[in-house]
Amino acid sequence: MPGESPLSMMRQPRSRRPDPVGAPRRRRWPFVAAFAALIVLAALWTGLWYYSASTADHALIGWVEREAAAGRVYACGAQSIGGFPLSIQANCANATAEIRNSAPPYAVAAKEINFVAEVYNPTRLIGDVTGPLILAPLGQSPSLTADWTRARIIVSGVPPNPDQVSIELSAPHLDRVNGDAMFKAKHADLRGRITAGSPQDHPVIEMTLRLSEAAAPTFNTLLAEPTEAEVDAVVRGFSDLSPKPWAERFREMQAAGGGIDIKSLHIVQADAIIVGNGTLSIGANGKLNGLIRVAIAGLEHLVPRIGIDRMIGQDLDQLSGGNGGLDRLVPGLGETLRATANATVIDNLKKMGQPTSIGNQPAIVLPLRFTDGAIYLGMLRLGEAPPLF
């Protein structure tokens, strides 16, 4: 051909190889395989979700049945289950409960409870309770209300045997219906877990309570000030965790020679700190006995909150005819005696205690004794703990 060199004219012409038949179809196979795998995985995940949802539903029913056996009967105004595909969610609207194992029995009502479980761990239930919570003696008008910004309950284990339980409350408060505040806190956290044994055979339970900015002025003047508290305790002596009244559990503990080991106690108020540890047991009459050694910084601030001056003033008033009889005899005498009462008690406690320090603050170590239910700080009687059965 014109323009071609002799060398190029001598070369054999290259033949163009046609594309093999079906090549485009082979290039689509990776996409078809990926799509098929996706469908299989979706089917497997759907099956897993329904299996996990069934497991979570049975776990929730099991816990409700366990509570009913213990005298706490729960019901929902309306209930549903959902959450596919990422979680399992059970909703209980207009939740109610009848606590029949208390004296007196009472009823509880909440707006809503939502339980969530992960697909891969359907026996760990996380419940959020929407307040307010209304409490009333059975058949009577409401007497108490409780509310919070968040209330979360976490239960882990296969019913009827829990492995771990926790209750977390943000900004909880408990009030009488007439508006009187009974308890409030910035945060409250109670956790329990089995550290030895098993739910069916002599479980050893560690319990931790944490309170932040807590106050309960109607219970005790010591609790009127905002308080930070942390208590870590180990409970021994339960035969098992099957559903039963608490009084029966504590009878088991007493019969088995069990008790409550206070591993650590840490209480902080604005002007006082208390730390300690010790052991408590239960007597045959259901009352507490034992000793907790506490170190107190700021004893001079705590004693006036106990109300020693008021108790002494009341006794002196009764001896002098009551209604301010001391002040009628000598104006200002009652107030003077009450003012000196705290100083005398503080001085006596410091004499019988052992000096120590908490951080950089001077402190005094004293015995906090429980004797047949009566509570003593050194020689000072603080009150009495109610019997456990």
Protein backbone atom coordinates (compact mmCIF):
# COMPACT_ATOMS: atom_id res chain seq x y z
CA MET A 1 0.00 0.00 0.00
CA PRO A 2 1.23 3.50 -0.74
CA GLY A 3 3.05 5.06 2.19
CA GLU A 4 3.97 1.74 3.82
CA SER A 5 7.58 0.62 4.13
CA PRO A 6 8.74 -2.73 2.65
CA LEU A 7 9.37 -3.97 6.21
CA SER A 8 5.87 -3.29 7.29
CA MET A 9 4.49 -4.85 4.16
CA MET A 10 6.33 -8.08 4.97
CA ARG A 11 4.68 -8.44 8.42
CA GLN A 12 1.62 -10.61 8.84
CA PRO A 13 -1.50 -8.59 9.51
CA ARG A 14 -2.79 -8.86 13.08
CA SER A 15 -6.22 -10.33 13.41
CA ARG A 16 -8.61 -8.73 15.92
CA ARG A 17 -9.94 -11.33 18.37
CA PRO A 18 -13.61 -10.90 18.99
CA ASP A 19 -14.84 -10.55 22.59
CA PRO A 20 -15.83 -13.89 23.98
CA VAL A 21 -19.51 -14.51 24.11
CA GLY A 22 -21.01 -13.92 27.55
CA ALA A 23 -18.18 -11.73 28.96
CA PRO A 24 -20.52 -8.96 30.08
CA ARG A 25 -22.57 -11.58 31.92
CA ARG A 26 -19.44 -12.79 33.79
CA ARG A 27 -18.61 -9.25 34.86
CA ARG A 28 -22.06 -8.99 36.50
CA TRP A 29 -21.49 -12.09 38.67
CA PRO A 30 -19.71 -10.24 41.52
CA PHE A 31 -22.66 -7.91 41.86
CA VAL A 32 -25.16 -10.76 41.73
CA ALA A 33 -23.16 -12.70 44.35
CA ALA A 34 -22.92 -9.67 46.65
CA PHE A 35 -26.65 -9.01 46.32
CA ALA A 36 -27.44 -12.66 47.05
CA ALA A 37 -25.15 -12.59 50.11
CA LEU A 38 -26.89 -9.45 51.30
CA ILE A 39 -30.27 -11.12 51.02
CA VAL A 40 -29.00 -14.16 52.94
CA LEU A 41 -27.53 -11.95 55.68
CA ALA A 42 -30.77 -9.95 55.92
CA ALA A 43 -32.74 -13.18 56.24
CA LEU A 44 -30.36 -14.49 58.91
CA TRP A 45 -30.47 -11.17 60.82
CA THR A 46 -34.28 -11.14 60.64
CA GLY A 47 -34.37 -14.66 62.02
CA LEU A 48 -31.90 -13.71 64.74
CA TRP A 49 -33.96 -10.62 65.63
CA TYR A 50 -37.16 -12.63 65.96
CA TYR A 51 -35.38 -15.26 68.01
CA SER A 52 -33.83 -12.59 70.26
CA ALA A 53 -37.17 -10.76 70.52
CA SER A 54 -38.82 -13.98 71.63
CA THR A 55 -36.03 -14.56 74.17
CA ALA A 56 -36.29 -11.00 75.50
CA ASP A 57 -40.09 -11.27 75.69
CA HIS A 58 -39.82 -14.53 77.65
CA ALA A 59 -37.21 -12.93 79.94
CA LEU A 60 -39.51 -9.97 80.61
CA ILE A 61 -42.45 -12.27 81.27
CA GLY A 62 -40.23 -14.34 83.55
CA TRP A 63 -39.27 -11.32 85.64
CA VAL A 64 -42.91 -10.26 85.91
CA GLU A 65 -43.87 -13.76 87.04
CA ARG A 66 -41.00 -13.79 89.51
CA GLU A 67 -42.18 -10.50 91.01
CA ALA A 68 -45.76 -11.80 91.20
CA ALA A 69 -44.54 -14.83 93.14
CA ALA A 70 -42.88 -12.43 95.59
CA GLY A 71 -46.13 -10.46 96.06
CA ARG A 72 -45.50 -7.67 93.55
CA VAL A 73 -48.07 -7.83 90.74
CA TYR A 74 -47.47 -5.72 87.60
CA ALA A 75 -49.81 -4.86 84.74
CA CYS A 76 -49.88 -2.68 81.60
CA GLY A 77 -52.74 -0.66 80.19
CA ALA A 78 -51.29 -1.27 76.71
CA GLN A 79 -48.16 -3.06 75.57
CA SER A 80 -46.22 -3.58 72.35
CA ILE A 81 -42.90 -4.93 71.09
CA GLY A 82 -40.74 -3.56 68.25
CA GLY A 83 -37.33 -2.05 67.54
CA PHE A 84 -36.49 -4.06 64.39
CA PRO A 85 -33.79 -4.27 63.09
CA LEU A 86 -31.22 -2.87 65.55
CA SER A 87 -32.75 -3.61 68.98
CA ILE A 88 -35.70 -5.15 70.78
CA GLN A 89 -38.05 -2.71 72.48
CA ALA A 90 -41.01 -3.50 74.72
CA ASN A 91 -43.36 -0.72 75.74
CA CYS A 92 -45.74 -0.77 78.72
CA ALA A 93 -48.07 2.24 78.86
CA ASN A 94 -50.03 3.14 82.00
CA ALA A 95 -48.04 0.68 84.11
CA THR A 96 -49.41 -0.32 87.50
CA ALA A 97 -48.24 -2.52 90.36
CA GLU A 98 -49.73 -3.88 93.56
CA ILE A 99 -47.16 -4.46 96.30
CA ARG A 100 -48.99 -7.02 98.40
CA ASN A 101 -46.08 -8.25 100.51
CA SER A 102 -45.70 -5.00 102.47
CA ALA A 103 -47.54 -3.80 105.56
CA PRO A 104 -49.75 -2.11 104.61
CA PRO A 105 -50.00 -3.18 100.97
CA TYR A 106 -49.97 -0.36 98.44
CA ALA A 107 -50.44 0.39 94.76
CA VAL A 108 -48.05 2.11 92.34
CA ALA A 109 -48.79 3.70 88.98
CA ALA A 110 -46.39 5.08 86.36
CA LYS A 111 -46.99 6.74 83.01
CA GLU A 112 -44.83 4.41 80.93
CA ILE A 113 -42.03 1.82 81.03
CA ASN A 114 -39.83 1.03 78.02
CA PHE A 115 -37.52 -1.98 78.02
CA VAL A 116 -34.71 -2.36 75.46
CA ALA A 117 -32.50 -5.39 74.79
CA GLU A 118 -29.63 -5.82 72.33
CA VAL A 119 -30.11 -8.48 69.65
CA TYR A 120 -26.84 -10.16 70.69
CA ASN A 121 -27.73 -10.13 74.44
CA PRO A 122 -31.51 -10.45 74.80
CA THR A 123 -31.47 -11.40 78.51
CA ARG A 124 -30.00 -8.04 79.53
CA LEU A 125 -32.98 -5.73 79.83
CA ILE A 126 -32.65 -1.96 80.12
CA GLY A 127 -35.81 -0.26 81.34
CA ASP A 128 -36.61 3.45 81.35
CA VAL A 129 -39.50 4.56 83.55
CA THR A 130 -41.46 7.72 82.76
CA GLY A 131 -42.84 9.47 85.82
CA PRO A 132 -44.48 10.64 87.84
CA LEU A 133 -44.88 7.59 90.06
CA ILE A 134 -47.99 7.63 92.26
CA LEU A 135 -48.06 5.59 95.50
CA ALA A 136 -51.22 4.86 97.48
CA PRO A 137 -52.35 2.33 100.07
CA LEU A 138 -54.53 -0.27 98.34
CA GLY A 139 -58.05 1.07 97.95
CA GLN A 140 -57.15 4.54 99.22
CA SER A 141 -56.22 7.93 97.83
CA PRO A 142 -52.60 8.62 96.75
CA SER A 143 -50.25 9.62 99.57
CA LEU A 144 -46.85 9.98 97.86
CA THR A 145 -45.53 11.01 94.47
CA ALA A 146 -42.07 10.46 93.00
CA ASP A 147 -40.51 11.92 89.88
CA TRP A 148 -37.14 12.30 88.14
CA THR A 149 -35.53 13.43 84.92
CA ARG A 150 -34.47 9.84 84.17
CA ALA A 151 -35.05 6.49 85.86
CA ARG A 152 -33.25 3.45 84.47
CA ILE A 153 -33.43 -0.18 85.61
CA ILE A 154 -30.99 -2.79 84.25
CA VAL A 155 -31.56 -6.51 84.90
CA SER A 156 -29.19 -9.18 83.64
CA GLY A 157 -29.69 -12.93 83.86
CA VAL A 158 -32.21 -15.65 83.04
CA PRO A 159 -35.42 -15.50 85.10
CA PRO A 160 -35.99 -16.16 87.88
CA ASN A 161 -32.31 -15.78 88.79
CA PRO A 162 -30.74 -12.35 88.30
CA ASP A 163 -26.96 -11.98 87.96
CA GLN A 164 -26.85 -8.19 88.17
CA VAL A 165 -29.38 -5.48 88.94
CA SER A 166 -28.92 -1.72 88.91
CA ILE A 167 -31.19 1.28 89.44
CA GLU A 168 -30.09 4.74 88.32
CA LEU A 169 -32.08 7.89 89.08
CA SER A 170 -31.30 11.39 87.86
CA ALA A 171 -32.73 14.27 89.92
CA PRO A 172 -35.14 12.05 91.89
CA HIS A 173 -37.51 13.50 94.47
CA LEU A 174 -40.14 11.95 96.72
CA ASP A 175 -42.94 14.16 98.06
CA ARG A 176 -46.11 13.83 100.04
CA VAL A 177 -49.26 14.66 98.11
CA ASN A 178 -49.64 17.84 100.18
CA GLY A 179 -46.30 19.03 98.78
CA ASP A 180 -43.95 18.26 101.71
CA ALA A 181 -40.56 17.13 100.37
CA MET A 182 -39.32 13.82 101.83
CA PHE A 183 -36.26 13.08 99.70
CA LYS A 184 -34.37 14.64 96.83
CA ALA A 185 -30.99 14.15 95.17
CA LYS A 186 -29.03 15.14 92.12
CA HIS A 187 -28.29 11.49 91.39
CA ALA A 188 -28.90 8.10 93.01
CA ASP A 189 -27.36 4.82 91.92
CA LEU A 190 -27.91 1.36 93.45
CA ARG A 191 -26.09 -1.69 92.02
CA GLY A 192 -26.04 -5.33 93.05
CA ARG A 193 -24.10 -8.30 91.67
CA ILE A 194 -23.29 -11.86 92.70
CA THR A 195 -19.62 -12.28 93.63
CA ALA A 196 -19.69 -15.87 94.92
CA GLY A 197 -22.08 -18.80 94.94
CA SER A 198 -24.95 -18.72 92.48
CA PRO A 199 -28.55 -17.45 92.43
CA GLN A 200 -29.69 -20.97 93.35
CA ASP A 201 -27.06 -21.77 95.98
CA HIS A 202 -26.01 -19.36 98.75
CA PRO A 203 -25.24 -16.26 96.70
CA VAL A 204 -22.86 -13.64 98.09
CA ILE A 205 -24.05 -10.24 96.89
CA GLU A 206 -22.06 -7.03 96.66
CA MET A 207 -24.19 -3.90 96.78
CA THR A 208 -23.07 -0.33 96.11
CA LEU A 209 -25.14 2.78 96.82
CA ARG A 210 -24.09 6.23 95.61
CA LEU A 211 -25.96 9.45 96.37
CA SER A 212 -25.13 12.92 95.11
CA GLU A 213 -26.50 16.06 96.77
CA ALA A 214 -29.06 13.97 98.64
CA ALA A 215 -31.27 15.32 101.43
CA ALA A 216 -34.09 13.80 103.47
CA PRO A 217 -35.05 16.41 106.09
CA THR A 218 -38.22 14.66 107.26
CA PHE A 219 -36.35 11.44 108.16
CA ASN A 220 -33.59 12.89 110.31
CA THR A 221 -31.98 16.26 110.95
CA LEU A 222 -28.62 14.70 110.07
CA LEU A 223 -29.94 14.20 106.54
CA ALA A 224 -31.27 17.74 106.10
CA GLU A 225 -28.00 19.01 104.62
CA PRO A 226 -27.02 18.11 101.02
CA THR A 227 -24.95 14.94 101.29
CA GLU A 228 -22.56 12.97 99.08
CA ALA A 229 -22.59 9.32 100.11
CA GLU A 230 -21.10 6.04 98.94
CA VAL A 231 -21.63 2.70 100.68
CA ASP A 232 -20.09 -0.58 99.50
CA ALA A 233 -21.42 -3.66 101.33
CA VAL A 234 -21.34 -7.45 100.97
CA VAL A 235 -24.42 -9.45 102.01
CA ARG A 236 -23.97 -13.08 103.10
CA GLY A 237 -26.41 -15.69 104.36
CA PHE A 238 -29.22 -15.91 101.78
CA SER A 239 -29.95 -19.50 100.76
CA ASP A 240 -30.97 -18.50 97.23
CA LEU A 241 -32.62 -15.70 95.25
CA SER A 242 -35.94 -17.39 94.58
CA PRO A 243 -39.02 -15.14 94.96
CA LYS A 244 -39.87 -14.63 98.62
CA PRO A 245 -40.61 -11.78 101.06
CA TRP A 246 -37.61 -9.85 102.40
CA ALA A 247 -38.52 -10.81 105.98
CA GLU A 248 -38.05 -14.47 105.04
CA ARG A 249 -34.68 -13.70 103.44
CA PHE A 250 -33.45 -11.98 106.58
CA ARG A 251 -34.63 -14.93 108.71
CA GLU A 252 -32.51 -17.17 106.45
CA MET A 253 -29.56 -14.84 106.98
CA GLN A 254 -29.97 -14.91 110.75
CA ALA A 255 -30.31 -18.71 110.85
CA ALA A 256 -27.22 -19.14 108.65
CA GLY A 257 -25.13 -16.80 110.77
CA GLY A 258 -24.77 -14.41 107.86
CA GLY A 259 -24.55 -10.65 107.97
CA ILE A 260 -23.67 -7.43 106.21
CA ASP A 261 -20.02 -6.48 105.78
CA ILE A 262 -19.65 -2.73 105.32
CA LYS A 263 -16.51 -2.67 103.15
CA SER A 264 -16.49 1.11 102.96
CA LEU A 265 -18.64 4.01 104.10
CA HIS A 266 -17.96 7.53 102.85
CA ILE A 267 -20.27 10.46 103.66
CA VAL A 268 -19.48 14.10 102.90
CA GLN A 269 -21.38 17.23 103.90
CA ALA A 270 -20.31 20.85 103.55
CA ASP A 271 -18.56 20.91 106.93
CA ALA A 272 -18.16 17.24 107.89
CA ILE A 273 -16.77 13.95 106.57
CA ILE A 274 -17.47 10.42 107.81
CA VAL A 275 -15.56 7.32 106.67
CA GLY A 276 -15.72 3.83 108.14
CA ASN A 277 -16.15 0.07 107.83
CA GLY A 278 -17.50 -2.76 109.96
CA THR A 279 -19.91 -5.68 110.19
CA LEU A 280 -23.59 -6.02 111.11
CA SER A 281 -25.54 -9.14 112.04
CA ILE A 282 -29.18 -9.92 112.80
CA GLY A 283 -30.41 -11.11 116.18
CA ALA A 284 -33.09 -13.73 116.79
CA ASN A 285 -35.61 -10.90 117.18
CA GLY A 286 -34.76 -9.46 113.77
CA LYS A 287 -32.85 -6.47 115.15
CA LEU A 288 -29.40 -5.35 114.07
CA ASN A 289 -26.24 -5.85 116.08
CA GLY A 290 -22.68 -4.96 115.21
CA LEU A 291 -19.99 -2.33 115.07
CA ILE A 292 -18.86 0.14 112.44
CA ARG A 293 -15.72 2.10 113.25
CA VAL A 294 -16.11 5.59 111.85
CA ALA A 295 -13.67 8.48 111.55
CA ILE A 296 -15.39 11.85 111.71
CA ALA A 297 -14.00 15.20 110.64
CA GLY A 298 -16.19 18.10 111.75
CA LEU A 299 -17.76 16.43 114.79
CA GLU A 300 -18.62 19.84 116.23
CA HIS A 301 -20.84 20.48 113.20
CA LEU A 302 -22.57 17.10 113.20
CA VAL A 303 -23.60 16.88 116.86
CA PRO A 304 -25.94 19.92 116.78
CA ARG A 305 -27.81 18.32 113.86
CA ILE A 306 -28.55 15.27 115.98
CA GLY A 307 -30.79 17.44 118.17
CA ILE A 308 -29.17 16.76 121.54
CA ASP A 309 -29.99 20.27 122.72
CA ARG A 310 -33.66 19.82 121.85
CA MET A 311 -33.88 16.45 123.58
CA ILE A 312 -32.23 17.79 126.72
CA GLY A 313 -34.39 20.90 126.59
CA GLN A 314 -37.55 18.79 126.37
CA ASP A 315 -36.48 16.66 129.34
CA LEU A 316 -35.67 19.76 131.41
CA ASP A 317 -38.97 21.38 130.46
CA GLN A 318 -40.86 18.29 131.60
CA LEU A 319 -39.05 18.32 134.93
CA SER A 320 -39.95 21.98 135.42
CA GLY A 321 -43.61 21.65 134.46
CA GLY A 322 -43.34 21.94 130.68
CA ASN A 323 -44.20 24.83 128.35
CA GLY A 324 -40.98 26.72 128.97
CA GLY A 325 -40.96 26.24 132.72
CA LEU A 326 -37.20 26.83 132.95
CA ASP A 327 -37.50 30.22 131.31
CA ARG A 328 -40.28 31.16 133.71
CA LEU A 329 -38.02 30.31 136.63
CA VAL A 330 -34.98 32.12 135.22
CA PRO A 331 -35.38 33.95 131.90
CA GLY A 332 -33.02 32.46 129.31
CA LEU A 333 -32.10 29.45 131.49
CA GLY A 334 -33.51 26.87 129.06
CA GLU A 335 -31.64 28.37 126.12
CA THR A 336 -28.40 28.54 128.11
CA LEU A 337 -28.65 24.88 129.14
CA ARG A 338 -29.44 23.81 125.59
CA ALA A 339 -26.50 25.81 124.23
CA THR A 340 -24.07 24.11 126.59
CA ALA A 341 -25.47 20.63 125.96
CA ASN A 342 -23.86 20.29 122.51
CA ALA A 343 -20.47 21.49 123.74
CA THR A 344 -20.53 18.95 126.58
CA VAL A 345 -21.43 16.06 124.28
CA ILE A 346 -18.76 17.04 121.73
CA ASP A 347 -16.13 17.28 124.44
CA ASN A 348 -17.05 13.85 125.87
CA LEU A 349 -17.01 12.21 122.43
CA LYS A 350 -13.58 13.64 121.66
CA LYS A 351 -12.26 12.35 124.99
CA MET A 352 -13.44 8.78 124.35
CA GLY A 353 -12.41 8.77 120.66
CA GLN A 354 -9.04 8.27 119.02
CA PRO A 355 -7.47 11.19 117.10
CA THR A 356 -6.78 10.66 113.40
CA SER A 357 -7.10 12.62 110.17
CA ILE A 358 -9.08 12.47 106.94
CA GLY A 359 -7.01 14.05 104.23
CA ASN A 360 -5.60 17.15 105.86
CA GLN A 361 -8.48 17.54 108.32
CA PRO A 362 -8.29 16.47 111.97
CA ALA A 363 -10.77 13.72 112.83
CA ILE A 364 -11.81 11.45 115.66
CA VAL A 365 -12.39 7.67 115.47
CA LEU A 366 -15.53 6.49 117.29
CA PRO A 367 -17.54 3.25 117.47
CA LEU A 368 -20.94 3.32 115.77
CA ARG A 369 -22.66 0.47 117.60
CA PHE A 370 -25.89 -1.36 116.85
CA THR A 371 -27.17 -3.07 119.99
CA ASP A 372 -30.50 -4.87 119.71
CA GLY A 373 -31.54 -2.28 117.13
CA ALA A 374 -30.47 0.77 119.14
CA ILE A 375 -27.82 2.94 117.44
CA TYR A 376 -25.05 4.57 119.49
CA LEU A 377 -22.21 6.86 118.47
CA GLY A 378 -19.84 6.33 121.36
CA MET A 379 -22.10 6.82 124.40
CA LEU A 380 -24.56 8.98 122.43
CA ARG A 381 -27.83 7.29 121.44
CA LEU A 382 -28.81 8.31 117.91
CA GLY A 383 -32.02 6.34 117.47
CA GLU A 384 -33.23 2.84 116.66
CA ALA A 385 -33.23 0.77 113.47
CA PRO A 386 -36.50 -1.09 112.75
CA PRO A 387 -36.46 -4.90 112.97
CA LEU A 388 -35.85 -6.71 109.69
CA PHE A 389 -38.43 -9.41 110.44
